[in-house]
């Protein structure tokens, strides 16, 4: 889509097809060979068209965005969340805090991807971009935490095997969050981002009885969340050890 009108048309088609929300690729990517993570891929007007059209369907827009300029365009246009935020600058962080934009930063993924990429022989372009963005993403994440940006837990689902997502909690704590803040990012804050706060995200009357339990005090060792001893889904125990 190369104009606001084209963006509106594509958004309508996707939502009519049953999508829950829209994700725009506001910048190049890290794991996609040949793209430049810092380069914007939509104008601010095009992203705003997606936001306005999506709002008519009572849903929202998430923006894949690594580079600072793409992040700023997306935030000013009114997206609900920034995915990745690897190359945030101080201005983009301040804008996110001002607009209440969520940050979904997969701050553990770089460790796994670099190790896996070396084992599997990923392309030099992808490996270079991973090394250029991993540490700087974590520096920006720490600044975003300090600035009060709303941070929702996210893992770039599918990049590494499902079931490993809890490894990210320790990274979130390492780079600035408290254990409680990290846990809230994966529960109540994530529910707020998705617009599901009336269904999930907390242990409250009327919400789905989805919960886990672990052995030990996660406030002292958040990595305990990688070893789940009990799972309840919708009020039914599905796993207990």
C-alpha atoms as a PDB file:
ATOM      1  CA  UNK A   1       0.000   0.000   0.000  1.00  0.00           C
ATOM      2  CA  UNK A   2       1.601   3.231  -1.159  1.00  0.00           C
ATOM      3  CA  UNK A   3      -0.887   5.916  -0.139  1.00  0.00           C
ATOM      4  CA  UNK A   4      -3.344   6.590   2.699  1.00  0.00           C
ATOM      5  CA  UNK A   5      -6.236   5.525   0.465  1.00  0.00           C
ATOM      6  CA  UNK A   6      -4.535   2.246  -0.418  1.00  0.00           C
ATOM      7  CA  UNK A   7      -3.833   1.629   3.256  1.00  0.00           C
ATOM      8  CA  UNK A   8      -7.505   2.144   4.123  1.00  0.00           C
ATOM      9  CA  UNK A   9      -8.557  -0.308   1.407  1.00  0.00           C
ATOM     10  CA  UNK A  10      -6.139  -2.996   2.581  1.00  0.00           C
ATOM     11  CA  UNK A  11      -7.108  -2.501   6.234  1.00  0.00           C
ATOM     12  CA  UNK A  12     -10.786  -2.979   5.347  1.00  0.00           C
ATOM     13  CA  UNK A  13     -10.001  -6.169   3.439  1.00  0.00           C
ATOM     14  CA  UNK A  14      -8.010  -7.610   6.332  1.00  0.00           C
ATOM     15  CA  UNK A  15     -10.615  -6.739   8.964  1.00  0.00           C
ATOM     16  CA  UNK A  16     -13.452  -8.027   6.790  1.00  0.00           C
ATOM     17  CA  UNK A  17     -11.469 -11.263   6.597  1.00  0.00           C
ATOM     18  CA  UNK A  18     -11.735 -11.669  10.364  1.00  0.00           C
ATOM     19  CA  UNK A  19      -8.559 -10.122  11.793  1.00  0.00           C
ATOM     20  CA  UNK A  20      -8.687  -9.047  15.445  1.00  0.00           C
ATOM     21  CA  UNK A  21      -6.388  -6.069  14.880  1.00  0.00           C
ATOM     22  CA  UNK A  22      -3.939  -4.645  12.343  1.00  0.00           C
ATOM     23  CA  UNK A  23      -0.151  -4.816  12.428  1.00  0.00           C
ATOM     24  CA  UNK A  24       1.788  -2.427  10.213  1.00  0.00           C
ATOM     25  CA  UNK A  25       5.421  -2.943   9.289  1.00  0.00           C
ATOM     26  CA  UNK A  26       6.617   0.566  10.067  1.00  0.00           C
ATOM     27  CA  UNK A  27      10.334  -0.158   9.502  1.00  0.00           C
ATOM     28  CA  UNK A  28      12.602  -2.787   8.067  1.00  0.00           C
ATOM     29  CA  UNK A  29      13.288  -5.967  10.010  1.00  0.00           C
ATOM     30  CA  UNK A  30      16.204  -7.756  11.646  1.00  0.00           C
ATOM     31  CA  UNK A  31      15.475 -11.372  10.734  1.00  0.00           C
ATOM     32  CA  UNK A  32      14.327 -10.529   7.196  1.00  0.00           C
ATOM     33  CA  UNK A  33      17.301 -10.507   4.877  1.00  0.00           C
ATOM     34  CA  UNK A  34      17.795  -7.400   2.758  1.00  0.00           C
ATOM     35  CA  UNK A  35      15.744  -4.940   4.809  1.00  0.00           C
ATOM     36  CA  UNK A  36      17.121  -2.075   6.912  1.00  0.00           C
ATOM     37  CA  UNK A  37      15.804  -1.987  10.521  1.00  0.00           C
ATOM     38  CA  UNK A  38      16.281   1.770  10.843  1.00  0.00           C
ATOM     39  CA  UNK A  39      14.461   2.630   7.598  1.00  0.00           C
ATOM     40  CA  UNK A  40      10.780   3.705   7.781  1.00  0.00           C
ATOM     41  CA  UNK A  41       8.461   1.810   5.435  1.00  0.00           C
ATOM     42  CA  UNK A  42       5.307   3.948   5.824  1.00  0.00           C
ATOM     43  CA  UNK A  43       4.707   7.669   6.010  1.00  0.00           C
ATOM     44  CA  UNK A  44       3.039   9.068   9.099  1.00  0.00           C
ATOM     45  CA  UNK A  45      -0.066   9.828   7.019  1.00  0.00           C
ATOM     46  CA  UNK A  46      -0.264   6.214   5.849  1.00  0.00           C
ATOM     47  CA  UNK A  47      -0.005   4.872   9.392  1.00  0.00           C
ATOM     48  CA  UNK A  48      -2.613   7.387  10.573  1.00  0.00           C
ATOM     49  CA  UNK A  49      -4.955   6.155   7.836  1.00  0.00           C
ATOM     50  CA  UNK A  50      -4.593   2.615   9.207  1.00  0.00           C
ATOM     51  CA  UNK A  51      -5.265   3.834  12.750  1.00  0.00           C
ATOM     52  CA  UNK A  52      -8.345   5.825  11.721  1.00  0.00           C
ATOM     53  CA  UNK A  53      -9.793   3.030   9.615  1.00  0.00           C
ATOM     54  CA  UNK A  54      -9.136   0.419  12.290  1.00  0.00           C
ATOM     55  CA  UNK A  55     -10.833   2.578  14.922  1.00  0.00           C
ATOM     56  CA  UNK A  56     -14.049   2.396  12.899  1.00  0.00           C
ATOM     57  CA  UNK A  57     -14.013  -1.355  13.600  1.00  0.00           C
ATOM     58  CA  UNK A  58     -13.377  -0.756  17.323  1.00  0.00           C
ATOM     59  CA  UNK A  59      -9.930  -2.298  17.292  1.00  0.00           C
ATOM     60  CA  UNK A  60      -6.341  -1.055  17.102  1.00  0.00           C
ATOM     61  CA  UNK A  61      -3.017  -0.990  15.273  1.00  0.00           C
ATOM     62  CA  UNK A  62       0.297  -2.477  16.398  1.00  0.00           C
ATOM     63  CA  UNK A  63       3.476  -1.317  14.690  1.00  0.00           C
ATOM     64  CA  UNK A  64       6.513  -3.471  14.013  1.00  0.00           C
ATOM     65  CA  UNK A  65       9.177  -0.788  14.400  1.00  0.00           C
ATOM     66  CA  UNK A  66      12.907  -0.964  15.054  1.00  0.00           C
ATOM     67  CA  UNK A  67      14.185   2.441  13.913  1.00  0.00           C
ATOM     68  CA  UNK A  68      13.590   5.654  15.852  1.00  0.00           C
ATOM     69  CA  UNK A  69      12.024   7.590  12.964  1.00  0.00           C
ATOM     70  CA  UNK A  70       9.556   4.796  12.213  1.00  0.00           C
ATOM     71  CA  UNK A  71       8.691   4.557  15.906  1.00  0.00           C
ATOM     72  CA  UNK A  72       8.025   8.291  16.118  1.00  0.00           C
ATOM     73  CA  UNK A  73       5.848   8.270  13.002  1.00  0.00           C
ATOM     74  CA  UNK A  74       3.825   5.375  14.379  1.00  0.00           C
ATOM     75  CA  UNK A  75       3.380   6.891  17.841  1.00  0.00           C
ATOM     76  CA  UNK A  76       2.337  10.279  16.472  1.00  0.00           C
ATOM     77  CA  UNK A  77      -0.110   8.505  14.159  1.00  0.00           C
ATOM     78  CA  UNK A  78      -1.777   6.849  17.147  1.00  0.00           C
ATOM     79  CA  UNK A  79      -0.780   3.181  17.112  1.00  0.00           C
ATOM     80  CA  UNK A  80      -1.519   1.267  20.288  1.00  0.00           C
ATOM     81  CA  UNK A  81       1.810  -0.541  20.548  1.00  0.00           C
ATOM     82  CA  UNK A  82       5.366  -0.590  19.260  1.00  0.00           C
ATOM     83  CA  UNK A  83       6.746  -4.081  18.670  1.00  0.00           C
ATOM     84  CA  UNK A  84      10.527  -4.457  19.205  1.00  0.00           C
ATOM     85  CA  UNK A  85      11.652  -0.809  19.519  1.00  0.00           C
ATOM     86  CA  UNK A  86      15.252  -1.901  19.023  1.00  0.00           C
ATOM     87  CA  UNK A  87      16.692   1.463  17.982  1.00  0.00           C
ATOM     88  CA  UNK A  88      14.625   3.825  20.127  1.00  0.00           C
ATOM     89  CA  UNK A  89      16.076   7.229  20.867  1.00  0.00           C
ATOM     90  CA  UNK A  90      15.228   9.527  23.776  1.00  0.00           C
ATOM     91  CA  UNK A  91      12.646  11.437  21.735  1.00  0.00           C
ATOM     92  CA  UNK A  92      10.765   8.298  20.724  1.00  0.00           C
ATOM     93  CA  UNK A  93      10.748   7.053  24.321  1.00  0.00           C
ATOM     94  CA  UNK A  94       9.375  10.396  25.519  1.00  0.00           C
ATOM     95  CA  UNK A  95       6.679  10.296  22.828  1.00  0.00           C
ATOM     96  CA  UNK A  96       5.635   6.796  23.861  1.00  0.00           C
ATOM     97  CA  UNK A  97       5.354   7.855  27.491  1.00  0.00           C
ATOM     98  CA  UNK A  98       3.383  10.971  26.515  1.00  0.00           C
ATOM     99  CA  UNK A  99       0.936   9.120  24.254  1.00  0.00           C
ATOM    100  CA  UNK A 100       0.529   6.077  26.495  1.00  0.00           C
ATOM    101  CA  UNK A 101       1.836   3.798  23.750  1.00  0.00           C
ATOM    102  CA  UNK A 102       2.680   0.258  24.828  1.00  0.00           C
ATOM    103  CA  UNK A 103       6.151  -1.165  24.158  1.00  0.00           C
ATOM    104  CA  UNK A 104       6.386  -4.876  23.399  1.00  0.00           C
ATOM    105  CA  UNK A 105      10.131  -5.522  23.569  1.00  0.00           C
ATOM    106  CA  UNK A 106      11.424  -9.068  23.079  1.00  0.00           C
ATOM    107  CA  UNK A 107      14.607  -8.493  25.068  1.00  0.00           C
ATOM    108  CA  UNK A 108      15.614 -12.158  25.481  1.00  0.00           C
ATOM    109  CA  UNK A 109      15.108 -13.108  21.842  1.00  0.00           C
ATOM    110  CA  UNK A 110      18.478 -11.709  20.744  1.00  0.00           C
ATOM    111  CA  UNK A 111      20.407 -14.158  22.925  1.00  0.00           C
ATOM    112  CA  UNK A 112      18.626 -17.154  21.467  1.00  0.00           C
ATOM    113  CA  UNK A 113      18.735 -15.893  17.882  1.00  0.00           C
ATOM    114  CA  UNK A 114      22.455 -15.134  17.879  1.00  0.00           C
ATOM    115  CA  UNK A 115      23.283 -18.553  19.337  1.00  0.00           C
ATOM    116  CA  UNK A 116      20.856 -20.364  17.030  1.00  0.00           C
ATOM    117  CA  UNK A 117      21.959 -18.389  14.000  1.00  0.00           C
ATOM    118  CA  UNK A 118      25.588 -19.311  14.564  1.00  0.00           C
ATOM    119  CA  UNK A 119      24.656 -23.002  14.886  1.00  0.00           C
ATOM    120  CA  UNK A 120      22.450 -23.022  11.795  1.00  0.00           C
ATOM    121  CA  UNK A 121      24.503 -20.707   9.613  1.00  0.00           C
ATOM    122  CA  UNK A 122      22.032 -17.843   9.213  1.00  0.00           C
ATOM    123  CA  UNK A 123      22.983 -15.283   6.581  1.00  0.00           C
ATOM    124  CA  UNK A 124      25.727 -12.729   7.340  1.00  0.00           C
ATOM    125  CA  UNK A 125      23.196  -9.909   6.829  1.00  0.00           C
ATOM    126  CA  UNK A 126      20.830 -11.261   9.482  1.00  0.00           C
ATOM    127  CA  UNK A 127      23.631 -12.037  11.939  1.00  0.00           C
ATOM    128  CA  UNK A 128      25.089  -8.550  11.512  1.00  0.00           C
ATOM    129  CA  UNK A 129      21.710  -6.954  12.209  1.00  0.00           C
ATOM    130  CA  UNK A 130      21.170  -9.135  15.267  1.00  0.00           C
ATOM    131  CA  UNK A 131      24.502  -8.057  16.733  1.00  0.00           C
ATOM    132  CA  UNK A 132      23.852  -4.403  15.909  1.00  0.00           C
ATOM    133  CA  UNK A 133      20.423  -4.302  17.541  1.00  0.00           C
ATOM    134  CA  UNK A 134      20.473  -6.672  20.536  1.00  0.00           C
ATOM    135  CA  UNK A 135      22.481  -4.622  23.043  1.00  0.00           C
ATOM    136  CA  UNK A 136      21.114  -1.250  21.957  1.00  0.00           C
ATOM    137  CA  UNK A 137      17.555  -2.583  22.256  1.00  0.00           C
ATOM    138  CA  UNK A 138      18.245  -3.447  25.890  1.00  0.00           C
ATOM    139  CA  UNK A 139      19.678  -0.003  26.567  1.00  0.00           C
ATOM    140  CA  UNK A 140      16.521   1.556  25.150  1.00  0.00           C
ATOM    141  CA  UNK A 141      14.354  -0.848  27.120  1.00  0.00           C
ATOM    142  CA  UNK A 142      15.990   0.259  30.372  1.00  0.00           C
ATOM    143  CA  UNK A 143      15.378   3.903  29.462  1.00  0.00           C
ATOM    144  CA  UNK A 144      11.745   3.143  28.605  1.00  0.00           C
ATOM    145  CA  UNK A 145      11.221   1.453  31.974  1.00  0.00           C
ATOM    146  CA  UNK A 146      12.707   4.469  33.730  1.00  0.00           C
ATOM    147  CA  UNK A 147      10.535   6.844  31.671  1.00  0.00           C
ATOM    148  CA  UNK A 148       7.347   5.028  32.668  1.00  0.00           C
ATOM    149  CA  UNK A 149       6.475   3.604  29.251  1.00  0.00           C
ATOM    150  CA  UNK A 150       3.818   0.892  29.508  1.00  0.00           C
ATOM    151  CA  UNK A 151       5.587  -2.375  28.722  1.00  0.00           C
ATOM    152  CA  UNK A 152       3.690  -5.496  27.702  1.00  0.00           C
ATOM    153  CA  UNK A 153       5.312  -8.933  27.610  1.00  0.00           C
ATOM    154  CA  UNK A 154       5.946 -10.211  24.109  1.00  0.00           C
ATOM    155  CA  UNK A 155       8.328 -12.671  22.507  1.00  0.00           C
ATOM    156  CA  UNK A 156       8.189 -12.231  18.707  1.00  0.00           C
ATOM    157  CA  UNK A 157       6.163 -15.448  18.747  1.00  0.00           C
ATOM    158  CA  UNK A 158       7.525 -18.175  16.529  1.00  0.00           C
ATOM    159  CA  UNK A 159      11.106 -16.911  16.494  1.00  0.00           C
ATOM    160  CA  UNK A 160      12.080 -19.496  19.088  1.00  0.00           C
ATOM    161  CA  UNK A 161      10.148 -22.632  20.125  1.00  0.00           C
ATOM    162  CA  UNK A 162       6.900 -22.160  22.009  1.00  0.00           C
ATOM    163  CA  UNK A 163       7.265 -22.910  25.699  1.00  0.00           C
ATOM    164  CA  UNK A 164      10.466 -20.923  26.155  1.00  0.00           C
ATOM    165  CA  UNK A 165       8.808 -17.530  26.598  1.00  0.00           C
ATOM    166  CA  UNK A 166       9.209 -17.473  30.400  1.00  0.00           C
ATOM    167  CA  UNK A 167      12.967 -17.142  29.917  1.00  0.00           C
ATOM    168  CA  UNK A 168      12.321 -13.511  29.069  1.00  0.00           C
ATOM    169  CA  UNK A 169      11.273 -12.585  32.625  1.00  0.00           C
ATOM    170  CA  UNK A 170      14.864 -12.696  33.863  1.00  0.00           C
ATOM    171  CA  UNK A 171      15.989 -10.458  31.007  1.00  0.00           C
ATOM    172  CA  UNK A 172      13.278  -7.915  31.758  1.00  0.00           C
ATOM    173  CA  UNK A 173      14.431  -7.796  35.373  1.00  0.00           C
ATOM    174  CA  UNK A 174      18.099  -7.613  34.354  1.00  0.00           C
ATOM    175  CA  UNK A 175      17.377  -4.568  32.215  1.00  0.00           C
ATOM    176  CA  UNK A 176      15.376  -2.506  34.651  1.00  0.00           C
ATOM    177  CA  UNK A 177      12.049  -3.976  35.744  1.00  0.00           C
ATOM    178  CA  UNK A 178      11.222  -5.377  39.158  1.00  0.00           C
ATOM    179  CA  UNK A 179      10.008  -8.991  39.252  1.00  0.00           C
ATOM    180  CA  UNK A 180       6.476  -7.751  39.972  1.00  0.00           C
ATOM    181  CA  UNK A 181       6.586  -5.326  37.046  1.00  0.00           C
ATOM    182  CA  UNK A 182       7.763  -8.104  34.734  1.00  0.00           C
ATOM    183  CA  UNK A 183       4.953 -10.413  35.876  1.00  0.00           C
ATOM    184  CA  UNK A 184       2.377  -7.640  35.504  1.00  0.00           C
ATOM    185  CA  UNK A 185       3.656  -7.009  31.979  1.00  0.00           C
ATOM    186  CA  UNK A 186       2.662 -10.577  31.074  1.00  0.00           C
ATOM    187  CA  UNK A 187      -0.700 -10.467  32.842  1.00  0.00           C
ATOM    188  CA  UNK A 188      -2.655  -7.307  33.546  1.00  0.00           C
ATOM    189  CA  UNK A 189      -0.662  -5.016  31.222  1.00  0.00           C
ATOM    190  CA  UNK A 190      -0.816  -7.459  28.312  1.00  0.00           C
ATOM    191  CA  UNK A 191      -4.565  -7.794  28.876  1.00  0.00           C
ATOM    192  CA  UNK A 192      -4.930  -4.010  28.768  1.00  0.00           C
ATOM    193  CA  UNK A 193      -2.996  -3.843  25.512  1.00  0.00           C
ATOM    194  CA  UNK A 194      -5.243  -6.434  23.894  1.00  0.00           C
ATOM    195  CA  UNK A 195      -8.427  -4.856  25.219  1.00  0.00           C
ATOM    196  CA  UNK A 196      -9.162  -8.029  27.202  1.00  0.00           C
ATOM    197  CA  UNK A 197      -8.914  -6.611  30.709  1.00  0.00           C
ATOM    198  CA  UNK A 198     -12.538  -7.623  31.339  1.00  0.00           C
ATOM    199  CA  UNK A 199     -11.660 -11.270  30.617  1.00  0.00           C
ATOM    200  CA  UNK A 200      -8.071 -12.057  31.578  1.00  0.00           C
ATOM    201  CA  UNK A 201      -4.972 -10.681  33.246  1.00  0.00           C
ATOM    202  CA  UNK A 202      -5.798 -10.914  36.947  1.00  0.00           C
ATOM    203  CA  UNK A 203      -7.293 -13.169  39.604  1.00  0.00           C
ATOM    204  CA  UNK A 204     -10.612 -11.368  39.969  1.00  0.00           C
ATOM    205  CA  UNK A 205     -14.281 -12.424  40.126  1.00  0.00           C
ATOM    206  CA  UNK A 206     -15.789 -12.669  36.659  1.00  0.00           C
ATOM    207  CA  UNK A 207     -12.514 -13.201  34.788  1.00  0.00           C
ATOM    208  CA  UNK A 208     -11.326 -16.479  33.288  1.00  0.00           C
ATOM    209  CA  UNK A 209      -9.738 -18.686  35.947  1.00  0.00           C
ATOM    210  CA  UNK A 210      -6.444 -19.034  34.077  1.00  0.00           C
ATOM    211  CA  UNK A 211      -3.495 -19.346  36.442  1.00  0.00           C
ATOM    212  CA  UNK A 212      -0.184 -21.038  37.108  1.00  0.00           C
ATOM    213  CA  UNK A 213       1.799 -21.860  40.239  1.00  0.00           C
ATOM    214  CA  UNK A 214       5.499 -22.438  40.813  1.00  0.00           C
ATOM    215  CA  UNK A 215       7.509 -23.600  43.810  1.00  0.00           C
ATOM    216  CA  UNK A 216       9.395 -20.779  45.497  1.00  0.00           C
ATOM    217  CA  UNK A 217       9.295 -16.995  45.733  1.00  0.00           C
ATOM    218  CA  UNK A 218       9.313 -15.379  42.292  1.00  0.00           C
ATOM    219  CA  UNK A 219       9.896 -11.979  43.875  1.00  0.00           C
ATOM    220  CA  UNK A 220      13.370 -13.232  44.790  1.00  0.00           C
ATOM    221  CA  UNK A 221      13.970 -15.366  41.689  1.00  0.00           C
ATOM    222  CA  UNK A 222      11.763 -14.573  38.713  1.00  0.00           C
ATOM    223  CA  UNK A 223      13.449 -17.350  36.730  1.00  0.00           C
ATOM    224  CA  UNK A 224      11.337 -19.819  38.748  1.00  0.00           C
ATOM    225  CA  UNK A 225       8.596 -19.036  36.224  1.00  0.00           C
ATOM    226  CA  UNK A 226      10.416 -21.274  33.745  1.00  0.00           C
ATOM    227  CA  UNK A 227       9.481 -24.325  35.857  1.00  0.00           C
ATOM    228  CA  UNK A 228       5.687 -24.320  36.163  1.00  0.00           C
ATOM    229  CA  UNK A 229       4.264 -26.850  38.631  1.00  0.00           C
ATOM    230  CA  UNK A 230       0.538 -26.190  38.217  1.00  0.00           C
ATOM    231  CA  UNK A 231      -1.692 -24.943  35.395  1.00  0.00           C
ATOM    232  CA  UNK A 232      -5.393 -24.115  35.542  1.00  0.00           C
ATOM    233  CA  UNK A 233      -7.298 -23.107  32.404  1.00  0.00           C
ATOM    234  CA  UNK A 234     -10.836 -21.788  32.676  1.00  0.00           C
ATOM    235  CA  UNK A 235     -11.153 -23.174  36.192  1.00  0.00           C
ATOM    236  CA  UNK A 236     -10.013 -26.666  35.181  1.00  0.00           C
ATOM    237  CA  UNK A 237      -6.688 -28.131  36.299  1.00  0.00           C
ATOM    238  CA  UNK A 238      -4.783 -29.218  33.200  1.00  0.00           C
ATOM    239  CA  UNK A 239      -1.361 -29.905  34.728  1.00  0.00           C
ATOM    240  CA  UNK A 240      -0.093 -30.521  38.255  1.00  0.00           C
ATOM    241  CA  UNK A 241       3.193 -31.990  39.444  1.00  0.00           C
END
